[in-house]
Structure formats: C-alpha cells, structure tokens
Amino acid sequence: MDVVKSNVADIWQVAAERLQQQIHVTTYEQWFQNIVPVALNEKALVLGVSDDFFADWLKDNFDDILCDSLKDIEGVDYSYSFKSGFLPEKKKEQPKTKAKSKSKAVKTQKRVKPGNCLSRHTFDNFVVGEENRYAYAAAHTAAESSGLYNPLYIYGGTGTGKTHLLQSVAHHAVESNPGTRVRYITCEEFLNNYVDSLRNKKHSDFRTFVRDIDILLVDDVHMLANKTQLQEEFFNTFNSLYNQNKQIILTSDKQPSEIKGLESRLVSRFESGVATEISIPGFETRLAILRMMQEEHLVKLDDEVLQFIANSIHSSVRRLQGALFRLVAYASAMSVADIDVEQAEHLLRRLLEEETASQLVSIESIQRIVAEYFEIRVNDLLSDKRPKNIAQPRMVAMYLCRKLTAFSYPEIGSAFGRNHATIMNAWKKIPQLCSKDENMRRSVSLLEHKFKS
C-alpha cells in the first residue's frame, strides 16, 4: 500500500515505481528515468522534460500508462503536464591531473571539424517550421544528450533537410566537446568502404572506422535494401554501438517498415528508438529559407520575388535553392540591379513547368473524387460531422493528399479546416484500417490508382 505523500517528488516516486513494474527496463531508462518532478498544482503534477518533442512523444505513446501510474496515490487521482527545458544531468568528469598538457590538447581539438560535413549545415542555419519542428528538436537533443534518443530515425522526402540536420548534429557535438568522435557517412559510402575492405583484406580497419566512435550518422539507410551481406555488417555495427550507448542517427526517405528488402531484425532495431518525419516545408518556412539563403549572396532579390519563388516551388528545399541561385547568378553575370517577378517567371520557366507537372494532383481534385466515390458531398468532408460514413472518407482524402501531393501537413490541414495533427493521425490510421478491413484496402487502392492513371 502506498504511504502518504506530500510533495511532487514523493508522488512521482510512487508513479515511477509503478511504471518500472509495467514496462521494460530499457523503455523506462530511455523515456522516464530523466523526467524531473517540478511542481504540484493541486492534483496536477508538472513534470520536466528535455524539449517539446519529448513531451509530445510521451503523450502520444505513453499517456495511458502515465495516467494509470498516477491513479489512487493515497486516494488521489493525479493528472500531469510537461514543462520543457530540463536536460538530463551529465556524468561528472574525472579530475584532471595534467592540466597543462590537456589544455593544449583541447586547444588543438577545438580546431577539428567533423569530416565529410558542409560548414553551413549547422543548427543555426536550419530554418525551423511546423513541418520539421519535431525532427529539429529531437536532433538537437540527441546532439546535446548523446544516447537519449537511440536510435533516432528521421524520414522524409528528398530535399527536406535530413542531411542538414545530420551534419548539424556532427558540428554541434564536436564544438560542444572537441574530443567527441563523430562519423557522418552516406549509406552508399558505407557500402563502398565495406566492399573495398573486403577486396583489400582490411576488414578490421573498416570495423574500427565505423565502430570506434561516439556518434554514428548514416544518410539514406533505405539503400541497404536487398543487400544481404551489407545488412549483416550494418546489423552488427548497430548492435556494437547501441550496446555501448553510442548515439546512432539514421535518415531515410521511408519509414523502416516501408523499406522493401530490409530484414525484419533491422526494421525492429530502427523502430526501437524514436522515429520522426520531416516533411516538405509550407509557404512561410520556404520564404524564411529563401531569406536565409540569400544572406550568403552579395546580390539581394526583392522580397516580392522571394515570395513568388516560395509560392511557386513546393517540392523541395533543393529546388528552392536552385531557383534562387539561378536568379542571383543571372543578376550578377548581367549586372542587373533588380529582378522583378515577371523576369523571375521568365528565367525560371523550365523549373516552374517541372514543378507544375509534379503538382497535377491537387488537394481539391482529391477531395472531389473521394467524395464522389463514397457518395457524399465535398462539404461533408470539410464539415465537423463525425459519423463513420463521413469520418472515414475524410481520413482517406487526407491520407491521399499527403501521399500523392507535395503539400505539407499544415497546408493539407488548412485545406480541410483542421490542424496538422489531424492529418498526421489520418496518415497513420488509414494503413491500420486497410490491414484490418479488406473493403477499405480495396477502396484506397482503387482511388490511388485512379489518381496515378
């Protein structure tokens, strides 16, 4: 029986003991061990966590178990809320004996930069928007508190900023602690180095290269698909680092379970930590990215032109960068003082044509065709009505908008009069419904085929 508790620390201790009895020790250590009991407001506990991403993840995945752990503590059912900004305490360093020699070593190490990383790919240069806020927060926390989110798996389409985030972690880790051994590598480079090590009979050197480190950052792990021997090597490398609590961060264009040809044991490893999506930025974020990009150039474009680019190009940050560079290069080469929107449209016509071609499927067309298929009105999809015959088609339309267009969660949410979280829920829920309901699976498949054809 629980003893009488009078303060937030004691109440949380009871809840924590209950949690440890219900979940695996690894899960507890990763998600609950570093929670800080902050305050008690009547029957509500304020719990300190590292950041908003951590808080949202706990709410989405452990809300029920948290609520249960806080029930009936000496006759009181407590609720909870989170407060960000409480990083876990770092282990105290051992006393330094040779201060002079070590200080010289530190000065030398401070000049070391992470290999294979662009100097401009830092957290300071990463524009944070609604579409990438969680991924940014998780990456930043992983850089600050290595091993807390392990592995961290960031997925999303081409040109959304995944590589930028990976390399930002590398820069931040080395700048914060010059002795940190960071390895950033693409999956293709991992493959090439592995093959070379076999050919040159230097496999032990390769293993040292990818395992004798503190942080491993691997880009495009979907390229492991259908490469059996490489997957075996990656699996062993992953386990070696994970068991030492070394930070692992991976990126891909798909969720682990969506990578065809990836062994189930790797899927399981990749899903065992934190997976977060980074989606195509919305208009406001695209405009902010363009404004930041042009700070690197001597030629400055009028903000009206930047808004035109941001409004016209949705598909990727790389295309935004390409459009900006093309206009800046033209203005510089031709010594043009100002470029107006009409000139920009002319100079970017081919790029804009390609962009238009990629956006043939519109949100409006998806709403219309889904409504026709389920024999309801578009107004029903956009309404607050919640009966099953309207709620499920609405989720199907949201799901297809996310899958078949380059629009971000907030942009799709705006088109449906909802917030981005509702679209994210539909994106997760429809595949689950399809796996259980054959009629739903067939309907979604037929609709998707209709748009693609």
Protein backbone atom coordinates (compact mmCIF):
# COMPACT_ATOMS: atom_id res chain seq x y z
CA MET A 1 0.00 0.00 0.00
CA ASP A 2 1.27 3.48 -0.86
CA VAL A 3 2.40 5.64 2.03
CA VAL A 4 1.13 9.19 2.48
CA LYS A 5 2.77 11.55 0.01
CA SER A 6 3.04 15.27 0.48
CA ASN A 7 5.16 16.66 -2.33
CA VAL A 8 5.70 16.28 -6.06
CA ALA A 9 8.94 14.28 -5.70
CA ASP A 10 7.30 11.69 -3.45
CA ILE A 11 4.25 11.38 -5.68
CA TRP A 12 6.42 10.94 -8.75
CA GLN A 13 8.49 8.31 -6.94
CA VAL A 14 5.37 6.21 -6.42
CA ALA A 15 4.37 6.67 -10.07
CA ALA A 16 7.89 5.82 -11.25
CA GLU A 17 7.92 2.61 -9.20
CA ARG A 18 4.63 1.62 -10.78
CA LEU A 19 5.96 2.38 -14.26
CA GLN A 20 9.01 0.19 -13.70
CA GLN A 21 6.74 -2.73 -12.87
CA GLN A 22 4.73 -2.32 -16.09
CA ILE A 23 7.29 -1.60 -18.81
CA HIS A 24 10.64 -2.98 -19.93
CA VAL A 25 13.68 -1.60 -18.13
CA THR A 26 15.14 -0.22 -21.39
CA THR A 27 11.92 1.66 -22.14
CA TYR A 28 11.87 3.10 -18.63
CA GLU A 29 15.51 4.23 -18.80
CA GLN A 30 15.06 5.85 -22.20
CA TRP A 31 11.79 7.67 -21.60
CA PHE A 32 11.07 8.03 -17.89
CA GLN A 33 14.31 7.94 -15.95
CA ASN A 34 15.25 11.54 -16.81
CA ILE A 35 11.85 13.09 -16.06
CA VAL A 36 12.16 15.73 -13.34
CA PRO A 37 9.25 16.33 -10.90
CA VAL A 38 8.94 20.13 -10.95
CA ALA A 39 5.79 21.24 -9.15
CA LEU A 40 2.42 20.17 -7.78
CA ASN A 41 -0.56 22.34 -8.63
CA GLU A 42 -3.43 20.92 -6.57
CA LYS A 43 -3.88 17.48 -8.19
CA ALA A 44 -1.72 18.12 -11.26
CA LEU A 45 1.99 17.26 -11.45
CA VAL A 46 4.30 19.39 -13.57
CA LEU A 47 7.00 17.09 -14.98
CA GLY A 48 10.20 18.48 -16.50
CA VAL A 49 11.44 17.01 -19.80
CA SER A 50 14.15 17.99 -22.26
CA ASP A 51 12.02 19.52 -25.01
CA ASP A 52 8.60 19.70 -26.69
CA PHE A 53 9.37 16.72 -28.91
CA PHE A 54 10.00 14.54 -25.86
CA ALA A 55 6.78 15.77 -24.24
CA ASP A 56 4.66 15.15 -27.34
CA TRP A 57 6.18 11.70 -27.84
CA LEU A 58 5.36 10.70 -24.27
CA LYS A 59 1.78 11.96 -24.63
CA ASP A 60 1.28 10.13 -27.93
CA ASN A 61 2.80 6.82 -26.83
CA PHE A 62 2.55 6.55 -23.05
CA ASP A 63 -0.37 8.76 -21.97
CA ASP A 64 -2.50 5.84 -20.79
CA ILE A 65 0.26 4.22 -18.76
CA LEU A 66 1.26 7.57 -17.24
CA CYS A 67 -2.31 8.30 -16.20
CA ASP A 68 -2.65 4.82 -14.68
CA SER A 69 0.56 5.25 -12.70
CA LEU A 70 -0.80 8.45 -11.13
CA LYS A 71 -4.16 7.00 -10.07
CA ASP A 72 -5.11 6.39 -6.47
CA ILE A 73 -1.95 7.57 -4.76
CA GLU A 74 -3.24 7.70 -1.18
CA GLY A 75 -6.76 8.13 -2.52
CA VAL A 76 -5.98 10.85 -5.06
CA ASP A 77 -6.03 10.57 -8.88
CA TYR A 78 -3.38 12.95 -10.16
CA SER A 79 -3.08 14.41 -13.65
CA TYR A 80 0.11 15.64 -15.28
CA SER A 81 1.56 18.20 -17.65
CA PHE A 82 5.04 18.66 -19.10
CA LYS A 83 7.47 21.56 -18.94
CA SER A 84 10.39 21.68 -21.38
CA GLY A 85 13.99 22.69 -20.77
CA PHE A 86 15.16 20.04 -18.29
CA LEU A 87 18.13 18.22 -19.83
CA PRO A 88 19.37 15.11 -18.01
CA GLU A 89 22.39 15.60 -15.82
CA LYS A 90 25.63 14.66 -17.47
CA LYS A 91 28.10 12.39 -15.71
CA LYS A 92 30.78 14.26 -13.85
CA GLU A 93 34.16 14.17 -15.49
CA GLN A 94 37.08 12.59 -13.70
CA PRO A 95 39.54 15.02 -12.07
CA LYS A 96 42.16 16.23 -14.48
CA THR A 97 45.74 15.53 -13.43
CA LYS A 98 47.84 17.04 -16.17
CA ALA A 99 46.16 20.37 -16.65
CA LYS A 100 48.79 21.99 -18.83
CA SER A 101 49.21 19.19 -21.33
CA LYS A 102 45.45 18.56 -21.51
CA SER A 103 44.66 22.21 -22.10
CA LYS A 104 46.99 22.21 -25.06
CA ALA A 105 45.30 19.10 -26.39
CA VAL A 106 41.87 20.73 -26.06
CA LYS A 107 43.03 23.79 -27.95
CA THR A 108 44.22 21.56 -30.76
CA GLN A 109 40.98 19.57 -30.75
CA LYS A 110 38.83 22.68 -30.96
CA ARG A 111 40.15 23.27 -34.45
CA VAL A 112 38.97 19.81 -35.56
CA LYS A 113 35.82 19.83 -37.69
CA PRO A 114 33.62 16.82 -38.45
CA GLY A 115 34.73 15.16 -41.67
CA ASN A 116 32.56 14.99 -44.75
CA CYS A 117 30.23 17.76 -43.49
CA LEU A 118 29.43 21.12 -45.08
CA SER A 119 30.33 24.04 -42.84
CA ARG A 120 26.97 25.76 -43.49
CA HIS A 121 24.99 22.75 -42.26
CA THR A 122 24.53 23.83 -38.65
CA PHE A 123 21.56 24.18 -36.33
CA ASP A 124 21.89 27.98 -36.57
CA ASN A 125 21.34 27.81 -40.33
CA PHE A 126 18.40 25.42 -40.16
CA VAL A 127 15.05 27.13 -40.58
CA VAL A 128 12.52 25.61 -38.19
CA GLY A 129 8.88 25.39 -39.25
CA GLU A 130 5.85 23.34 -38.28
CA GLU A 131 6.88 20.63 -40.75
CA ASN A 132 10.30 19.96 -39.21
CA ARG A 133 9.98 21.20 -35.61
CA TYR A 134 9.92 17.74 -34.01
CA ALA A 135 12.79 16.44 -36.13
CA TYR A 136 14.85 19.52 -35.28
CA ALA A 137 14.11 19.22 -31.55
CA ALA A 138 14.94 15.52 -31.50
CA ALA A 139 18.21 16.03 -33.41
CA HIS A 140 19.24 18.92 -31.19
CA THR A 141 18.51 16.91 -28.04
CA ALA A 142 20.45 13.93 -29.43
CA ALA A 143 23.42 16.24 -30.04
CA GLU A 144 23.16 17.64 -26.51
CA SER A 145 22.49 14.35 -24.71
CA SER A 146 24.05 11.55 -26.69
CA GLY A 147 22.22 8.23 -26.36
CA LEU A 148 18.96 9.70 -25.05
CA TYR A 149 17.09 9.04 -28.31
CA ASN A 150 18.69 5.87 -29.61
CA PRO A 151 18.41 5.29 -32.44
CA LEU A 152 16.96 8.50 -33.82
CA TYR A 153 15.39 7.78 -37.21
CA ILE A 154 14.46 10.78 -39.39
CA TYR A 155 12.49 10.11 -42.56
CA GLY A 156 11.02 12.26 -45.32
CA GLY A 157 11.19 13.11 -49.00
CA THR A 158 14.17 14.33 -50.97
CA GLY A 159 15.32 17.87 -50.26
CA THR A 160 13.55 18.35 -46.94
CA GLY A 161 16.66 18.94 -44.81
CA LYS A 162 17.52 15.49 -43.43
CA THR A 163 21.20 15.75 -44.38
CA HIS A 164 21.35 19.28 -42.97
CA LEU A 165 20.11 18.00 -39.61
CA LEU A 166 22.55 15.08 -39.54
CA GLN A 167 25.52 17.31 -40.24
CA SER A 168 24.25 19.86 -37.71
CA VAL A 169 24.47 17.16 -35.06
CA ALA A 170 28.07 16.47 -36.11
CA HIS A 171 29.05 20.15 -35.89
CA HIS A 172 27.29 20.69 -32.58
CA ALA A 173 28.77 17.59 -30.95
CA VAL A 174 32.34 18.44 -31.96
CA GLU A 175 32.01 22.10 -30.99
CA SER A 176 30.50 21.22 -27.60
CA ASN A 177 33.09 18.54 -26.87
CA PRO A 178 36.11 18.55 -29.22
CA GLY A 179 37.03 15.04 -28.13
CA THR A 180 33.79 13.55 -29.48
CA ARG A 181 34.41 11.03 -32.25
CA VAL A 182 31.73 11.61 -34.89
CA ARG A 183 31.31 9.70 -38.12
CA TYR A 184 28.96 11.07 -40.79
CA ILE A 185 28.62 8.76 -43.76
CA THR A 186 26.10 8.07 -46.51
CA CYS A 187 24.83 4.51 -46.93
CA GLU A 188 26.50 4.43 -50.35
CA GLU A 189 29.85 5.34 -48.78
CA PHE A 190 29.27 2.68 -46.12
CA LEU A 191 28.77 0.14 -48.92
CA ASN A 192 31.82 1.29 -50.93
CA ASN A 193 34.10 1.28 -47.88
CA TYR A 194 32.83 -2.15 -46.90
CA VAL A 195 33.46 -3.62 -50.38
CA ASP A 196 36.93 -2.03 -50.51
CA SER A 197 37.78 -3.51 -47.11
CA LEU A 198 36.88 -6.99 -48.33
CA ARG A 199 38.83 -6.58 -51.56
CA ASN A 200 41.92 -5.23 -49.80
CA LYS A 201 41.60 -7.63 -46.86
CA LYS A 202 41.34 -4.74 -44.38
CA HIS A 203 38.01 -5.57 -42.84
CA SER A 204 39.24 -4.90 -39.31
CA ASP A 205 40.17 -1.35 -40.37
CA PHE A 206 36.65 -0.83 -41.71
CA ARG A 207 35.09 -2.03 -38.48
CA THR A 208 37.28 0.32 -36.48
CA PHE A 209 36.28 3.15 -38.82
CA VAL A 210 32.54 2.70 -38.15
CA ARG A 211 32.58 1.34 -34.60
CA ASP A 212 35.38 3.10 -32.71
CA ILE A 213 33.29 6.28 -32.44
CA ASP A 214 30.83 8.07 -30.18
CA ILE A 215 28.22 9.14 -32.73
CA LEU A 216 27.31 7.42 -35.99
CA LEU A 217 25.28 9.41 -38.54
CA VAL A 218 24.12 7.48 -41.61
CA ASP A 219 22.27 9.09 -44.50
CA ASP A 220 19.84 7.19 -46.78
CA VAL A 221 19.68 3.84 -44.98
CA HIS A 222 16.94 2.71 -47.41
CA MET A 223 19.85 1.86 -49.72
CA LEU A 224 20.52 -1.17 -47.50
CA ALA A 225 17.51 -2.82 -49.15
CA ASN A 226 18.21 -6.17 -50.84
CA LYS A 227 21.92 -6.12 -49.89
CA THR A 228 22.05 -9.15 -47.61
CA GLN A 229 25.76 -9.12 -46.74
CA LEU A 230 25.79 -5.37 -46.16
CA GLN A 231 22.74 -5.64 -43.90
CA GLU A 232 24.57 -8.25 -41.84
CA GLU A 233 27.52 -5.90 -41.39
CA PHE A 234 25.26 -2.95 -40.58
CA PHE A 235 23.30 -5.03 -38.08
CA ASN A 236 26.47 -6.00 -36.23
CA THR A 237 27.76 -2.41 -36.30
CA PHE A 238 24.43 -1.13 -34.99
CA ASN A 239 24.42 -3.64 -32.13
CA SER A 240 28.02 -2.89 -31.20
CA LEU A 241 27.36 0.84 -30.89
CA TYR A 242 23.91 0.50 -29.33
CA ASN A 243 25.17 -1.80 -26.59
CA GLN A 244 27.78 0.83 -25.70
CA ASN A 245 25.06 3.53 -25.64
CA LYS A 246 26.72 5.32 -28.53
CA GLN A 247 24.38 7.68 -30.38
CA ILE A 248 23.03 6.43 -33.72
CA ILE A 249 21.08 8.71 -36.06
CA LEU A 250 19.73 7.47 -39.38
CA THR A 251 17.85 9.09 -42.24
CA SER A 252 15.71 7.60 -44.99
CA ASP A 253 13.01 8.53 -47.46
CA LYS A 254 10.68 5.96 -45.87
CA GLN A 255 9.66 4.58 -42.51
CA PRO A 256 11.58 1.38 -41.61
CA SER A 257 8.57 -0.86 -42.23
CA GLU A 258 8.10 0.65 -45.71
CA ILE A 259 11.60 -0.26 -46.96
CA LYS A 260 11.11 -3.34 -49.11
CA GLY A 261 14.03 -5.75 -48.91
CA LEU A 262 15.08 -4.65 -45.41
CA GLU A 263 15.43 -7.55 -42.97
CA SER A 264 12.91 -7.62 -40.14
CA ARG A 265 15.64 -7.54 -37.49
CA LEU A 266 16.91 -4.22 -38.89
CA VAL A 267 13.37 -2.87 -39.12
CA SER A 268 12.96 -3.80 -35.46
CA ARG A 269 16.23 -2.07 -34.50
CA PHE A 270 15.36 1.09 -36.43
CA GLU A 271 11.91 1.26 -34.83
CA SER A 272 13.17 0.64 -31.30
CA GLY A 273 14.07 4.29 -30.67
CA VAL A 274 12.50 7.49 -31.93
CA ALA A 275 11.22 7.90 -35.49
CA THR A 276 10.15 11.34 -36.67
CA GLU A 277 9.13 12.68 -40.05
CA ILE A 278 10.46 15.80 -41.71
CA SER A 279 8.05 16.88 -44.41
CA ILE A 280 8.12 19.40 -47.24
CA PRO A 281 8.03 22.93 -45.79
CA GLY A 282 4.98 25.17 -46.10
CA PHE A 283 4.96 28.63 -47.65
CA GLU A 284 6.11 30.54 -44.55
CA THR A 285 9.02 28.16 -43.96
CA ARG A 286 10.00 28.21 -47.64
CA LEU A 287 10.08 32.01 -47.59
CA ALA A 288 12.19 32.01 -44.42
CA ILE A 289 14.59 29.54 -46.04
CA LEU A 290 14.97 31.76 -49.10
CA ARG A 291 15.61 34.81 -46.95
CA MET A 292 18.32 32.96 -45.07
CA MET A 293 19.86 31.55 -48.24
CA GLN A 294 20.20 34.92 -49.90
CA GLU A 295 22.23 36.23 -46.96
CA GLU A 296 25.12 34.23 -48.42
CA HIS A 297 24.93 36.18 -51.72
CA LEU A 298 26.02 39.71 -52.48
CA VAL A 299 23.08 40.14 -54.86
CA LYS A 300 19.83 40.59 -52.93
CA LEU A 301 16.47 39.91 -54.55
CA ASP A 302 13.35 41.88 -53.75
CA ASP A 303 11.14 40.21 -51.15
CA GLU A 304 8.29 40.12 -53.67
CA VAL A 305 10.45 37.89 -55.88
CA LEU A 306 11.29 35.64 -52.93
CA GLN A 307 7.57 35.32 -52.18
CA PHE A 308 6.94 34.41 -55.82
CA ILE A 309 9.56 31.63 -55.64
CA ALA A 310 8.24 30.34 -52.30
CA ASN A 311 4.69 30.30 -53.64
CA SER A 312 5.65 28.59 -56.92
CA ILE A 313 8.04 25.88 -55.76
CA HIS A 314 6.74 23.34 -53.24
CA SER A 315 8.58 20.12 -53.95
CA SER A 316 11.93 20.52 -52.16
CA VAL A 317 14.38 22.88 -50.50
CA ARG A 318 16.95 21.99 -53.15
CA ARG A 319 14.68 23.30 -55.88
CA LEU A 320 14.22 26.50 -53.89
CA GLN A 321 17.96 26.83 -53.64
CA GLY A 322 18.38 26.14 -57.35
CA ALA A 323 15.80 28.79 -58.28
CA LEU A 324 17.41 31.40 -56.05
CA PHE A 325 20.90 30.65 -57.34
CA ARG A 326 19.74 30.87 -60.95
CA LEU A 327 18.31 34.35 -60.42
CA VAL A 328 21.30 35.55 -58.39
CA ALA A 329 23.74 34.20 -60.98
CA TYR A 330 21.85 35.94 -63.80
CA ALA A 331 21.72 39.25 -61.93
CA SER A 332 25.44 39.02 -61.17
CA ALA A 333 26.51 37.99 -64.69
CA MET A 334 24.34 40.58 -66.42
CA SER A 335 24.99 43.31 -63.82
CA VAL A 336 21.25 43.69 -63.33
CA ALA A 337 20.35 45.87 -60.33
CA ASP A 338 16.84 44.48 -59.79
CA ILE A 339 14.88 41.47 -60.99
CA ASP A 340 11.11 41.76 -60.90
CA VAL A 341 8.55 38.97 -60.68
CA GLU A 342 7.94 38.95 -64.44
CA GLN A 343 11.65 38.46 -65.16
CA ALA A 344 11.90 35.81 -62.47
CA GLU A 345 9.00 33.91 -64.02
CA HIS A 346 10.69 34.03 -67.42
CA LEU A 347 14.10 32.94 -66.12
CA LEU A 348 12.62 30.09 -64.09
CA ARG A 349 10.06 28.93 -66.66
CA ARG A 350 11.53 25.45 -67.13
CA LEU A 351 11.81 24.86 -63.40
CA LEU A 352 8.26 26.11 -62.90
CA GLU A 353 6.97 23.80 -65.65
CA GLU A 354 8.58 20.83 -63.91
CA GLU A 355 7.06 21.95 -60.63
CA THR A 356 3.59 22.26 -62.19
CA ALA A 357 3.89 18.79 -63.70
CA SER A 358 4.65 17.35 -60.25
CA GLN A 359 1.56 19.06 -58.81
CA LEU A 360 -1.05 17.80 -61.28
CA VAL A 361 -2.90 16.05 -58.47
CA SER A 362 -4.41 18.81 -56.36
CA ILE A 363 -5.99 18.72 -52.94
CA GLU A 364 -9.25 19.95 -54.46
CA SER A 365 -9.33 17.12 -57.03
CA ILE A 366 -8.69 14.53 -54.32
CA GLN A 367 -11.49 15.94 -52.18
CA ARG A 368 -13.89 15.94 -55.12
CA ILE A 369 -13.13 12.42 -56.35
CA VAL A 370 -13.09 10.86 -52.86
CA ALA A 371 -16.45 12.48 -52.12
CA GLU A 372 -17.89 11.12 -55.37
CA TYR A 373 -16.52 7.64 -54.67
CA PHE A 374 -18.10 7.44 -51.21
CA GLU A 375 -21.28 9.18 -52.43
CA ILE A 376 -21.08 12.16 -50.11
CA ARG A 377 -20.57 15.88 -50.72
CA VAL A 378 -17.27 17.75 -50.58
CA ASN A 379 -18.92 19.97 -47.96
CA ASP A 380 -19.34 16.87 -45.80
CA LEU A 381 -15.59 16.20 -45.97
CA LEU A 382 -14.90 19.76 -44.88
CA SER A 383 -17.55 19.80 -42.15
CA ASP A 384 -17.30 18.82 -38.48
CA LYS A 385 -19.68 15.88 -38.96
CA ARG A 386 -18.32 12.71 -37.35
CA PRO A 387 -20.50 9.73 -38.42
CA LYS A 388 -18.47 6.83 -39.78
CA ASN A 389 -19.72 7.23 -43.37
CA ILE A 390 -18.18 10.75 -43.41
CA ALA A 391 -15.27 10.47 -40.94
CA GLN A 392 -13.57 7.58 -42.74
CA PRO A 393 -13.79 9.08 -46.27
CA ARG A 394 -12.44 12.32 -44.79
CA MET A 395 -9.42 10.44 -43.41
CA VAL A 396 -8.95 8.69 -46.77
CA ALA A 397 -8.91 12.06 -48.55
CA MET A 398 -6.39 13.45 -46.05
CA TYR A 399 -4.22 10.35 -46.42
CA LEU A 400 -4.24 10.55 -50.23
CA CYS A 401 -3.43 14.28 -50.14
CA ARG A 402 -0.37 13.52 -48.05
CA LYS A 403 0.71 10.59 -50.22
CA LEU A 404 0.02 11.96 -53.70
CA THR A 405 0.95 15.63 -53.36
CA ALA A 406 3.97 17.54 -52.12
CA PHE A 407 1.90 19.64 -49.73
CA SER A 408 2.89 19.68 -46.06
CA TYR A 409 0.71 18.59 -43.13
CA PRO A 410 -0.21 22.20 -42.23
CA GLU A 411 -1.10 23.03 -45.85
CA ILE A 412 -3.35 19.97 -46.15
CA GLY A 413 -4.83 20.70 -42.73
CA SER A 414 -5.67 24.22 -43.85
CA ALA A 415 -7.47 22.86 -46.92
CA PHE A 416 -9.63 20.69 -44.66
CA GLY A 417 -10.08 23.29 -41.93
CA ARG A 418 -8.04 21.17 -39.49
CA ASN A 419 -4.64 21.35 -37.83
CA HIS A 420 -1.61 19.37 -38.92
CA ALA A 421 -2.04 16.81 -36.11
CA THR A 422 -5.36 15.66 -37.62
CA ILE A 423 -3.64 15.00 -40.96
CA MET A 424 -0.83 13.13 -39.22
CA ASN A 425 -3.41 10.98 -37.46
CA ALA A 426 -5.11 10.14 -40.78
CA TRP A 427 -1.71 9.28 -42.29
CA LYS A 428 -1.14 6.73 -39.52
CA LYS A 429 -4.72 5.47 -39.18
CA ILE A 430 -5.62 4.62 -42.80
CA PRO A 431 -2.88 1.95 -43.28
CA GLN A 432 -4.03 0.39 -40.00
CA LEU A 433 -7.63 0.31 -41.21
CA CYS A 434 -6.53 -1.16 -44.55
CA SER A 435 -4.72 -4.00 -42.80
CA LYS A 436 -7.90 -4.92 -40.90
CA ASP A 437 -10.63 -4.08 -43.43
CA GLU A 438 -10.41 -5.53 -46.93
CA ASN A 439 -13.09 -3.18 -48.27
CA MET A 440 -11.17 -0.16 -47.02
CA ARG A 441 -7.93 -1.50 -48.51
CA ARG A 442 -9.61 -2.03 -51.88
CA SER A 443 -11.19 1.44 -51.84
CA VAL A 444 -7.91 3.21 -51.05
CA SER A 445 -6.08 1.15 -53.67
CA LEU A 446 -8.68 1.93 -56.36
CA LEU A 447 -8.64 5.64 -55.57
CA GLU A 448 -4.86 5.79 -55.58
CA HIS A 449 -4.73 4.01 -58.92
CA LYS A 450 -7.35 6.41 -60.30
CA PHE A 451 -5.17 9.43 -59.48
CA LYS A 452 -1.95 7.87 -60.73
CA SER A 453 -3.52 6.91 -64.03
